[in-house]
Each structure stands twice: as C-alpha cells, then as structure tokens.
Amino acid sequence: MIAEIGLLKKEQGLVLIPGLSVAEILNHFEGDGRKIVTLPKVIECSSQAISPAAHLRALLKHNHDVIIIELLEDVQVIKIAMQAAMTGHLVVAGFAASDEASAREKLKQMDIDPFLVSSSLIGVV
C-alpha cells in the first residue's frame, strides 16, 4: 500500500503509519541503496538507561537517509523526528492515528507546533 502511494520514494519528510511493522517497511527499501536505521519502541541498555530522544539524537549524527521509528508517542521524540524530516531524512513512524486529519489533531493536542507539522508531515497511510 505504501509503495503504491510513493511516499517511501521521497527524499525527506515524515510518513506516519498506524500499526507499523518494521519488517514490512524494511521490505519496501530492499535494494534501493539508502542507509536505513530503526528506532525500536523499547531501548534496552545494560549499563545505563537511554531515553528514546537521546537515542534518536545519536542516530542522527550518523547521516542515515531513512529513519524508521516503531512508535512516536513522546513529544520530544516527535519534535526531533520532525526536525530530521525537514533536514534531509525520510522518517517513517508508527503513530496512533487512522488518517491525516486525526494525526494532525492528535499532534495539536500534544502541543506540537503547527509549523513543524505542516513543514514535515508528508502523509499518513
């Protein structure tokens, strides 16, 4: 479904997908040569706790083309993901919204700046 729309062929932007399956999404990128990284919902680290926001910031330093985030639910992570989507990364993320209108409303309720949303969000599948 995503490949039919062509959103995953974009160079940058944020694509929100309810019920994201990282394995399914990775299949769409097979053989296209882009550098991809995934951010799982739960991050385990034996030596110290690392927040999803800190993990995402660290991943951005490695210049990946595509960032797949299993679930966007933390305001800080959402803001970082949107900044990444505006600066040359394609960000594909799971999000609890069924369509673009409900996604925009939920982001508004989370006090995400409307400019960030309009500048970064390219689609909800």
Protein backbone atom coordinates (compact mmCIF):
# COMPACT_ATOMS: atom_id res chain seq x y z
CA MET A 1 0.00 0.00 0.00
CA ILE A 2 2.78 2.45 0.93
CA ALA A 3 4.80 1.74 -2.21
CA GLU A 4 1.69 2.40 -4.36
CA ILE A 5 1.45 5.92 -2.95
CA GLY A 6 5.15 6.51 -3.46
CA LEU A 7 5.75 8.11 -0.07
CA LEU A 8 8.74 5.87 0.65
CA LYS A 9 10.48 7.07 -2.50
CA LYS A 10 10.63 10.64 -1.16
CA GLU A 11 13.99 12.01 -0.07
CA GLN A 12 12.70 13.69 3.07
CA GLY A 13 9.60 14.15 5.16
CA LEU A 14 7.59 12.39 7.83
CA VAL A 15 5.28 9.49 6.99
CA LEU A 16 3.03 8.24 9.80
CA ILE A 17 1.75 4.68 9.69
CA PRO A 18 -0.69 3.21 12.22
CA GLY A 19 0.27 -0.31 13.26
CA LEU A 20 3.79 -0.02 11.87
CA SER A 21 5.63 -3.27 11.29
CA VAL A 22 9.34 -2.52 10.93
CA ALA A 23 9.91 -5.74 8.97
CA GLU A 24 7.20 -4.83 6.44
CA ILE A 25 8.58 -1.33 5.99
CA LEU A 26 12.14 -2.58 5.55
CA ASN A 27 10.97 -4.78 2.66
CA HIS A 28 9.98 -1.64 0.72
CA PHE A 29 13.56 -0.33 0.88
CA GLU A 30 15.25 -3.56 -0.18
CA GLY A 31 17.87 -2.88 -2.83
CA ASP A 32 17.41 0.88 -3.15
CA GLY A 33 20.83 1.72 -1.68
CA ARG A 34 19.71 4.11 1.05
CA LYS A 35 21.17 3.97 4.54
CA ILE A 36 18.42 2.93 6.95
CA VAL A 37 18.26 2.85 10.73
CA THR A 38 15.45 1.75 13.04
CA LEU A 39 14.47 3.03 16.46
CA PRO A 40 12.55 0.38 18.41
CA LYS A 41 9.82 1.26 20.90
CA VAL A 42 11.81 -0.16 23.81
CA ILE A 43 15.50 0.55 24.11
CA GLU A 44 17.44 -1.69 26.45
CA CYS A 45 20.93 -0.88 27.56
CA SER A 46 22.70 -2.93 30.19
CA SER A 47 24.99 -0.19 31.52
CA GLN A 48 22.63 2.77 31.71
CA ALA A 49 19.17 3.94 30.73
CA ILE A 50 18.94 5.84 27.47
CA SER A 51 15.87 7.82 26.52
CA PRO A 52 14.33 7.38 23.06
CA ALA A 53 15.03 11.08 22.39
CA ALA A 54 18.72 10.69 23.24
CA HIS A 55 18.91 7.56 21.11
CA LEU A 56 17.32 9.35 18.14
CA ARG A 57 19.70 12.32 18.51
CA ALA A 58 22.65 9.89 18.50
CA LEU A 59 21.33 8.13 15.38
CA LEU A 60 21.03 11.43 13.53
CA LYS A 61 24.78 12.01 13.87
CA HIS A 62 25.42 9.05 11.55
CA ASN A 63 23.76 10.58 8.47
CA HIS A 64 21.21 7.90 7.62
CA ASP A 65 18.85 8.50 4.72
CA VAL A 66 15.84 6.78 6.26
CA ILE A 67 14.86 6.57 9.92
CA ILE A 68 12.16 4.09 10.91
CA ILE A 69 10.64 4.69 14.34
CA GLU A 70 8.46 1.91 15.68
CA LEU A 71 6.14 4.23 17.63
CA LEU A 72 6.01 8.00 18.02
CA GLU A 73 4.44 8.73 21.38
CA ASP A 74 6.86 11.03 23.21
CA VAL A 75 6.64 14.77 22.45
CA GLN A 76 10.42 15.18 22.50
CA VAL A 77 10.92 12.31 20.03
CA ILE A 78 8.17 13.69 17.77
CA LYS A 79 9.86 17.09 17.63
CA ILE A 80 13.27 15.57 16.87
CA ALA A 81 11.73 13.33 14.18
CA MET A 82 10.04 16.33 12.57
CA GLN A 83 13.28 18.32 12.58
CA ALA A 84 15.03 15.34 10.96
CA ALA A 85 12.26 15.15 8.34
CA MET A 86 12.87 18.78 7.43
CA THR A 87 16.64 18.39 7.14
CA GLY A 88 17.04 15.68 4.54
CA HIS A 89 15.83 12.49 6.22
CA LEU A 90 12.83 10.36 5.38
CA VAL A 91 11.25 9.46 8.71
CA VAL A 92 8.73 6.62 8.73
CA ALA A 93 7.00 6.17 12.06
CA GLY A 94 4.21 4.33 13.77
CA PHE A 95 1.57 6.65 15.20
CA ALA A 96 -1.80 6.11 16.84
CA ALA A 97 -3.96 7.85 14.24
CA SER A 98 -6.02 6.41 11.41
CA ASP A 99 -5.86 9.30 8.94
CA GLU A 100 -4.11 12.61 8.34
CA ALA A 101 -6.84 14.73 9.95
CA SER A 102 -6.80 12.72 13.19
CA ALA A 103 -2.99 12.69 13.17
CA ARG A 104 -2.89 16.48 12.88
CA GLU A 105 -5.47 16.81 15.66
CA LYS A 106 -3.55 14.47 17.96
CA LEU A 107 -0.30 16.37 17.30
CA LYS A 108 -2.13 19.62 18.06
CA GLN A 109 -3.38 18.16 21.36
CA MET A 110 0.22 17.24 22.18
CA ASP A 111 1.18 20.92 21.67
CA ILE A 112 3.34 20.24 18.63
CA ASP A 113 3.93 23.49 16.73
CA PRO A 114 1.63 23.60 13.66
CA PHE A 115 4.58 24.89 11.60
CA LEU A 116 6.55 21.71 12.42
CA VAL A 117 3.60 19.56 11.38
CA SER A 118 2.94 21.36 8.10
CA SER A 119 6.65 21.52 7.25
CA SER A 120 7.45 17.89 7.93
CA LEU A 121 4.37 15.65 7.56
CA ILE A 122 4.03 14.35 4.00
CA GLY A 123 1.43 11.66 4.60
CA VAL A 124 -0.45 9.27 6.82
CA VAL A 125 -1.02 5.77 5.49
